[in-house]
Amino acid sequence: MKQYMLAVHYVEGQPAPSPEAMAQSYRDVEAVNVELREAGAWVFAGGLHPASTATVVRMRDGEVLTTDGPFAETKEQLGGFWVIKAADLDAALAWSAKAAAACRGPVEVRPFQEDPGSQEDSGN
């Protein structure tokens, strides 16, 4: 099975949901997590603190440079993610639809690159 990342996005500056709506979203996300585990599709997942808490690490001329804030200067930020196993893109998209409904926001689906030495890539 291939692995896919389901990336949950949010837009900074949008009004925060009510505490009741947030609590319901957390319950809905946990229901998706349970379903993923029961289906054997779960790898791992996590929610992220706001992008303002990010630190960017760069190497320049052999020196480590760190800067506060997100790498991307945009209002659209990564809020959390799932890494799942799915037979194909269609199966990953079906899971992402459940994730988007639970999170009440857009979910980007991206396949992981295959290990060049894996059996799956060699056709065996």
N, C-alpha and C. Protein backbone atom coordinates (compact mmCIF):
# COMPACT_ATOMS: atom_id res chain seq x y z
N MET A 1 0.83 -1.18 0.00
CA MET A 1 0.00 0.00 0.00
C MET A 1 0.88 1.25 0.00
N LYS A 2 0.40 2.26 -0.64
CA LYS A 2 1.11 3.53 -0.67
C LYS A 2 0.74 4.35 0.56
N GLN A 3 1.60 5.30 0.88
CA GLN A 3 1.30 6.23 1.96
C GLN A 3 0.98 7.59 1.37
N TYR A 4 0.03 8.25 2.00
CA TYR A 4 -0.41 9.57 1.58
C TYR A 4 -0.44 10.49 2.80
N MET A 5 -0.15 11.76 2.57
CA MET A 5 -0.34 12.75 3.61
C MET A 5 -1.62 13.51 3.30
N LEU A 6 -2.48 13.59 4.29
CA LEU A 6 -3.69 14.40 4.21
C LEU A 6 -3.40 15.64 5.05
N ALA A 7 -3.15 16.76 4.39
CA ALA A 7 -2.74 17.99 5.06
C ALA A 7 -3.95 18.90 5.25
N VAL A 8 -4.21 19.27 6.49
CA VAL A 8 -5.33 20.13 6.83
C VAL A 8 -4.83 21.58 6.82
N HIS A 9 -5.50 22.43 6.07
CA HIS A 9 -5.10 23.82 5.95
C HIS A 9 -6.10 24.74 6.64
N TYR A 10 -5.59 25.88 7.09
CA TYR A 10 -6.45 26.91 7.65
C TYR A 10 -5.93 28.26 7.18
N VAL A 11 -6.76 29.27 7.28
CA VAL A 11 -6.38 30.62 6.88
C VAL A 11 -6.26 31.47 8.14
N GLU A 12 -5.05 31.99 8.36
CA GLU A 12 -4.83 32.85 9.53
C GLU A 12 -5.73 34.07 9.45
N GLY A 13 -6.23 34.48 10.59
CA GLY A 13 -7.05 35.68 10.65
C GLY A 13 -8.54 35.42 10.51
N GLN A 14 -8.91 34.20 10.12
CA GLN A 14 -10.35 33.90 10.06
C GLN A 14 -10.88 33.81 11.48
N PRO A 15 -12.15 34.16 11.66
CA PRO A 15 -12.72 34.06 13.01
C PRO A 15 -12.63 32.62 13.53
N ALA A 16 -12.29 32.51 14.80
CA ALA A 16 -12.21 31.19 15.42
C ALA A 16 -13.61 30.62 15.57
N PRO A 17 -13.75 29.31 15.40
CA PRO A 17 -15.07 28.71 15.63
C PRO A 17 -15.45 28.81 17.09
N SER A 18 -16.72 28.71 17.34
CA SER A 18 -17.20 28.74 18.72
C SER A 18 -16.63 27.53 19.47
N PRO A 19 -16.58 27.62 20.80
CA PRO A 19 -16.09 26.46 21.57
C PRO A 19 -16.91 25.20 21.29
N GLU A 20 -18.21 25.35 21.08
CA GLU A 20 -19.06 24.20 20.80
C GLU A 20 -18.70 23.59 19.43
N ALA A 21 -18.50 24.45 18.44
CA ALA A 21 -18.15 23.96 17.10
C ALA A 21 -16.78 23.30 17.12
N MET A 22 -15.83 23.87 17.88
CA MET A 22 -14.50 23.28 17.98
C MET A 22 -14.56 21.92 18.67
N ALA A 23 -15.35 21.82 19.73
CA ALA A 23 -15.49 20.54 20.44
C ALA A 23 -16.09 19.49 19.52
N GLN A 24 -17.08 19.87 18.72
CA GLN A 24 -17.69 18.92 17.79
C GLN A 24 -16.68 18.49 16.73
N SER A 25 -15.88 19.43 16.25
CA SER A 25 -14.85 19.10 15.26
C SER A 25 -13.85 18.09 15.84
N TYR A 26 -13.44 18.30 17.09
CA TYR A 26 -12.51 17.36 17.73
C TYR A 26 -13.14 15.97 17.82
N ARG A 27 -14.42 15.91 18.16
CA ARG A 27 -15.10 14.61 18.23
C ARG A 27 -15.16 13.97 16.84
N ASP A 28 -15.46 14.78 15.83
CA ASP A 28 -15.53 14.25 14.46
C ASP A 28 -14.17 13.76 13.97
N VAL A 29 -13.12 14.50 14.30
CA VAL A 29 -11.77 14.07 13.93
C VAL A 29 -11.43 12.75 14.62
N GLU A 30 -11.76 12.63 15.89
CA GLU A 30 -11.47 11.38 16.61
C GLU A 30 -12.25 10.22 15.99
N ALA A 31 -13.47 10.46 15.53
CA ALA A 31 -14.23 9.40 14.86
C ALA A 31 -13.52 8.95 13.57
N VAL A 32 -12.98 9.90 12.81
CA VAL A 32 -12.21 9.55 11.61
C VAL A 32 -10.97 8.76 12.02
N ASN A 33 -10.29 9.19 13.09
CA ASN A 33 -9.10 8.46 13.56
C ASN A 33 -9.43 7.03 13.91
N VAL A 34 -10.53 6.82 14.61
CA VAL A 34 -10.95 5.46 14.99
C VAL A 34 -11.22 4.64 13.73
N GLU A 35 -11.93 5.22 12.78
CA GLU A 35 -12.23 4.52 11.54
C GLU A 35 -10.96 4.17 10.77
N LEU A 36 -10.01 5.10 10.71
CA LEU A 36 -8.72 4.82 10.05
C LEU A 36 -8.00 3.66 10.72
N ARG A 37 -7.98 3.66 12.06
CA ARG A 37 -7.30 2.58 12.79
C ARG A 37 -7.98 1.24 12.53
N GLU A 38 -9.31 1.24 12.61
CA GLU A 38 -10.04 -0.01 12.41
C GLU A 38 -9.85 -0.55 11.00
N ALA A 39 -9.67 0.33 10.02
CA ALA A 39 -9.48 -0.09 8.63
C ALA A 39 -8.02 -0.45 8.33
N GLY A 40 -7.13 -0.23 9.29
CA GLY A 40 -5.71 -0.51 9.06
C GLY A 40 -5.02 0.53 8.19
N ALA A 41 -5.64 1.70 8.04
CA ALA A 41 -5.08 2.76 7.20
C ALA A 41 -4.27 3.77 7.99
N TRP A 42 -4.37 3.76 9.31
CA TRP A 42 -3.70 4.73 10.17
C TRP A 42 -2.19 4.50 10.17
N VAL A 43 -1.41 5.56 9.99
CA VAL A 43 0.03 5.53 10.23
C VAL A 43 0.32 6.46 11.40
N PHE A 44 0.04 7.74 11.26
CA PHE A 44 0.07 8.68 12.38
C PHE A 44 -0.57 9.99 11.96
N ALA A 45 -0.81 10.85 12.94
CA ALA A 45 -1.45 12.13 12.66
C ALA A 45 -1.10 13.10 13.76
N GLY A 46 -1.36 14.38 13.51
CA GLY A 46 -1.13 15.37 14.53
C GLY A 46 -1.65 16.73 14.14
N GLY A 47 -2.08 17.47 15.12
CA GLY A 47 -2.45 18.86 14.94
C GLY A 47 -1.25 19.73 15.28
N LEU A 48 -1.16 20.88 14.66
CA LEU A 48 -0.02 21.76 14.86
C LEU A 48 -0.44 23.04 15.56
N HIS A 49 0.48 23.60 16.34
CA HIS A 49 0.27 24.92 16.91
C HIS A 49 0.29 25.93 15.77
N PRO A 50 -0.16 27.17 16.01
CA PRO A 50 -0.18 28.18 14.94
C PRO A 50 1.18 28.37 14.28
N ALA A 51 1.15 28.80 13.04
CA ALA A 51 2.39 29.00 12.27
C ALA A 51 3.31 30.02 12.93
N SER A 52 2.77 30.91 13.73
CA SER A 52 3.59 31.91 14.42
C SER A 52 4.57 31.27 15.41
N THR A 53 4.34 30.02 15.79
CA THR A 53 5.24 29.31 16.71
C THR A 53 6.37 28.59 15.99
N ALA A 54 6.38 28.65 14.67
CA ALA A 54 7.37 27.93 13.88
C ALA A 54 8.75 28.56 13.97
N THR A 55 9.76 27.73 13.78
CA THR A 55 11.14 28.18 13.64
C THR A 55 11.68 27.57 12.36
N VAL A 56 12.30 28.37 11.53
CA VAL A 56 12.87 27.89 10.28
C VAL A 56 14.38 27.74 10.47
N VAL A 57 14.93 26.60 10.07
CA VAL A 57 16.35 26.31 10.18
C VAL A 57 16.94 26.24 8.78
N ARG A 58 18.03 26.97 8.57
CA ARG A 58 18.72 26.98 7.28
C ARG A 58 20.20 26.78 7.52
N MET A 59 20.88 26.25 6.50
CA MET A 59 22.33 26.19 6.51
C MET A 59 22.84 27.19 5.49
N ARG A 60 23.77 28.04 5.93
CA ARG A 60 24.36 29.01 5.01
C ARG A 60 25.86 29.07 5.31
N ASP A 61 26.66 28.69 4.31
CA ASP A 61 28.12 28.69 4.46
C ASP A 61 28.56 27.90 5.67
N GLY A 62 27.90 26.74 5.89
CA GLY A 62 28.27 25.87 7.00
C GLY A 62 27.75 26.31 8.36
N GLU A 63 27.01 27.39 8.40
CA GLU A 63 26.45 27.91 9.64
C GLU A 63 24.96 27.62 9.70
N VAL A 64 24.49 27.34 10.90
CA VAL A 64 23.06 27.12 11.11
C VAL A 64 22.42 28.47 11.42
N LEU A 65 21.40 28.82 10.65
CA LEU A 65 20.64 30.05 10.87
C LEU A 65 19.21 29.69 11.23
N THR A 66 18.68 30.30 12.25
CA THR A 66 17.28 30.09 12.62
C THR A 66 16.55 31.42 12.60
N THR A 67 15.31 31.36 12.14
CA THR A 67 14.45 32.54 12.15
C THR A 67 13.09 32.15 12.71
N ASP A 68 12.46 33.08 13.38
CA ASP A 68 11.13 32.84 13.94
C ASP A 68 10.08 32.98 12.84
N GLY A 69 8.99 32.27 13.03
CA GLY A 69 7.86 32.38 12.12
C GLY A 69 7.88 31.32 11.04
N PRO A 70 6.81 31.22 10.31
CA PRO A 70 6.72 30.18 9.28
C PRO A 70 7.64 30.47 8.10
N PHE A 71 7.99 29.43 7.38
CA PHE A 71 8.81 29.56 6.18
C PHE A 71 8.03 30.32 5.11
N ALA A 72 6.81 29.88 4.86
CA ALA A 72 5.98 30.50 3.82
C ALA A 72 5.31 31.75 4.37
N GLU A 73 5.46 32.84 3.67
CA GLU A 73 4.80 34.08 4.08
C GLU A 73 3.45 34.17 3.38
N THR A 74 2.49 33.50 3.98
CA THR A 74 1.15 33.42 3.43
C THR A 74 0.15 33.28 4.56
N LYS A 75 -1.09 33.59 4.31
CA LYS A 75 -2.13 33.42 5.32
C LYS A 75 -2.60 31.97 5.40
N GLU A 76 -2.45 31.21 4.29
CA GLU A 76 -2.83 29.81 4.30
C GLU A 76 -1.70 28.99 4.91
N GLN A 77 -2.01 28.27 5.97
CA GLN A 77 -1.00 27.53 6.70
C GLN A 77 -1.44 26.10 6.96
N LEU A 78 -0.47 25.24 7.22
CA LEU A 78 -0.73 23.86 7.60
C LEU A 78 -1.16 23.84 9.05
N GLY A 79 -2.30 23.23 9.32
CA GLY A 79 -2.83 23.18 10.68
C GLY A 79 -2.69 21.82 11.32
N GLY A 80 -2.54 20.78 10.51
CA GLY A 80 -2.42 19.43 11.01
C GLY A 80 -2.36 18.48 9.84
N PHE A 81 -2.24 17.19 10.13
CA PHE A 81 -2.09 16.22 9.05
C PHE A 81 -2.37 14.81 9.54
N TRP A 82 -2.64 13.97 8.59
CA TRP A 82 -2.66 12.52 8.78
C TRP A 82 -1.66 11.94 7.79
N VAL A 83 -1.02 10.87 8.16
CA VAL A 83 -0.30 10.01 7.22
C VAL A 83 -1.06 8.70 7.24
N ILE A 84 -1.52 8.30 6.06
CA ILE A 84 -2.34 7.08 5.97
C ILE A 84 -1.75 6.13 4.94
N LYS A 85 -2.22 4.89 5.00
CA LYS A 85 -1.93 3.89 3.97
C LYS A 85 -3.22 3.71 3.18
N ALA A 86 -3.08 3.71 1.86
CA ALA A 86 -4.25 3.51 1.00
C ALA A 86 -3.82 2.76 -0.24
N ALA A 87 -4.73 2.00 -0.80
CA ALA A 87 -4.42 1.20 -1.98
C ALA A 87 -4.09 2.07 -3.18
N ASP A 88 -4.76 3.22 -3.27
CA ASP A 88 -4.54 4.09 -4.43
C ASP A 88 -5.07 5.49 -4.11
N LEU A 89 -4.92 6.39 -5.07
CA LEU A 89 -5.34 7.77 -4.85
C LEU A 89 -6.84 7.87 -4.57
N ASP A 90 -7.64 7.09 -5.26
CA ASP A 90 -9.09 7.15 -5.01
C ASP A 90 -9.42 6.82 -3.56
N ALA A 91 -8.76 5.82 -2.99
CA ALA A 91 -9.00 5.46 -1.59
C ALA A 91 -8.53 6.59 -0.67
N ALA A 92 -7.38 7.20 -0.99
CA ALA A 92 -6.88 8.32 -0.19
C ALA A 92 -7.84 9.51 -0.27
N LEU A 93 -8.40 9.75 -1.45
CA LEU A 93 -9.36 10.84 -1.60
C LEU A 93 -10.64 10.59 -0.80
N ALA A 94 -11.05 9.34 -0.71
CA ALA A 94 -12.24 9.01 0.09
C ALA A 94 -11.98 9.33 1.56
N TRP A 95 -10.78 8.98 2.06
CA TRP A 95 -10.44 9.32 3.44
C TRP A 95 -10.36 10.83 3.61
N SER A 96 -9.81 11.53 2.61
CA SER A 96 -9.67 12.98 2.74
C SER A 96 -11.03 13.67 2.79
N ALA A 97 -12.02 13.13 2.13
CA ALA A 97 -13.37 13.71 2.21
C ALA A 97 -13.89 13.64 3.64
N LYS A 98 -13.65 12.51 4.30
CA LYS A 98 -14.07 12.38 5.71
C LYS A 98 -13.28 13.34 6.59
N ALA A 99 -11.99 13.48 6.29
CA ALA A 99 -11.14 14.38 7.07
C ALA A 99 -11.58 15.84 6.89
N ALA A 100 -11.88 16.22 5.66
CA ALA A 100 -12.31 17.60 5.39
C ALA A 100 -13.63 17.90 6.10
N ALA A 101 -14.54 16.95 6.10
CA ALA A 101 -15.81 17.15 6.80
C ALA A 101 -15.58 17.29 8.30
N ALA A 102 -14.71 16.46 8.86
CA ALA A 102 -14.44 16.50 10.31
C ALA A 102 -13.74 17.80 10.70
N CYS A 103 -12.80 18.25 9.88
CA CYS A 103 -12.03 19.46 10.21
C CYS A 103 -12.72 20.74 9.77
N ARG A 104 -13.72 20.59 8.92
CA ARG A 104 -14.44 21.75 8.39
C ARG A 104 -13.51 22.71 7.63
N GLY A 105 -12.64 22.09 6.84
CA GLY A 105 -11.69 22.89 6.06
C GLY A 105 -11.06 22.04 4.97
N PRO A 106 -10.28 22.68 4.12
CA PRO A 106 -9.67 21.96 3.00
C PRO A 106 -8.58 20.99 3.46
N VAL A 107 -8.50 19.88 2.75
CA VAL A 107 -7.49 18.87 3.01
C VAL A 107 -6.78 18.56 1.69
N GLU A 108 -5.48 18.74 1.69
CA GLU A 108 -4.66 18.45 0.51
C GLU A 108 -4.14 17.03 0.61
N VAL A 109 -4.22 16.27 -0.48
CA VAL A 109 -3.77 14.88 -0.51
C VAL A 109 -2.52 14.80 -1.36
N ARG A 110 -1.44 14.24 -0.77
CA ARG A 110 -0.19 14.08 -1.53
C ARG A 110 0.41 12.73 -1.24
N PRO A 111 0.81 12.01 -2.29
CA PRO A 111 1.46 10.71 -2.08
C PRO A 111 2.91 10.92 -1.63
N PHE A 112 3.39 10.00 -0.82
CA PHE A 112 4.80 9.99 -0.47
C PHE A 112 5.57 9.39 -1.63
N GLN A 113 6.80 9.82 -1.79
CA GLN A 113 7.67 9.21 -2.79
C GLN A 113 7.97 7.79 -2.37
N GLU A 114 8.06 6.92 -3.34
CA GLU A 114 8.37 5.52 -3.05
C GLU A 114 9.87 5.36 -2.83
N ASP A 115 10.22 4.42 -1.98
CA ASP A 115 11.62 4.07 -1.77
C ASP A 115 12.13 3.40 -3.03
N PRO A 116 13.18 3.93 -3.66
CA PRO A 116 13.66 3.35 -4.92
C PRO A 116 14.01 1.87 -4.82
N GLY A 117 14.33 1.38 -3.65
CA GLY A 117 14.69 -0.02 -3.50
C GLY A 117 13.56 -0.92 -3.06
N SER A 118 12.36 -0.37 -2.96
CA SER A 118 11.25 -1.17 -2.43
C SER A 118 10.75 -2.18 -3.45
N GLN A 119 10.18 -3.25 -2.94
CA GLN A 119 9.60 -4.31 -3.77
C GLN A 119 8.49 -3.74 -4.65
N GLU A 120 7.69 -2.82 -4.09
CA GLU A 120 6.54 -2.27 -4.81
C GLU A 120 6.98 -1.57 -6.10
N ASP A 121 8.08 -0.81 -6.03
CA ASP A 121 8.56 -0.10 -7.20
C ASP A 121 9.21 -1.02 -8.23
N SER A 122 9.77 -2.13 -7.76
CA SER A 122 10.49 -3.00 -8.69
C SER A 122 9.56 -3.90 -9.47
N GLY A 123 8.26 -3.84 -9.16
CA GLY A 123 7.29 -4.65 -9.89
C GLY A 123 7.13 -6.03 -9.32
N ASN A 124 7.81 -6.33 -8.21
CA ASN A 124 7.70 -7.65 -7.59
C ASN A 124 6.59 -7.69 -6.58
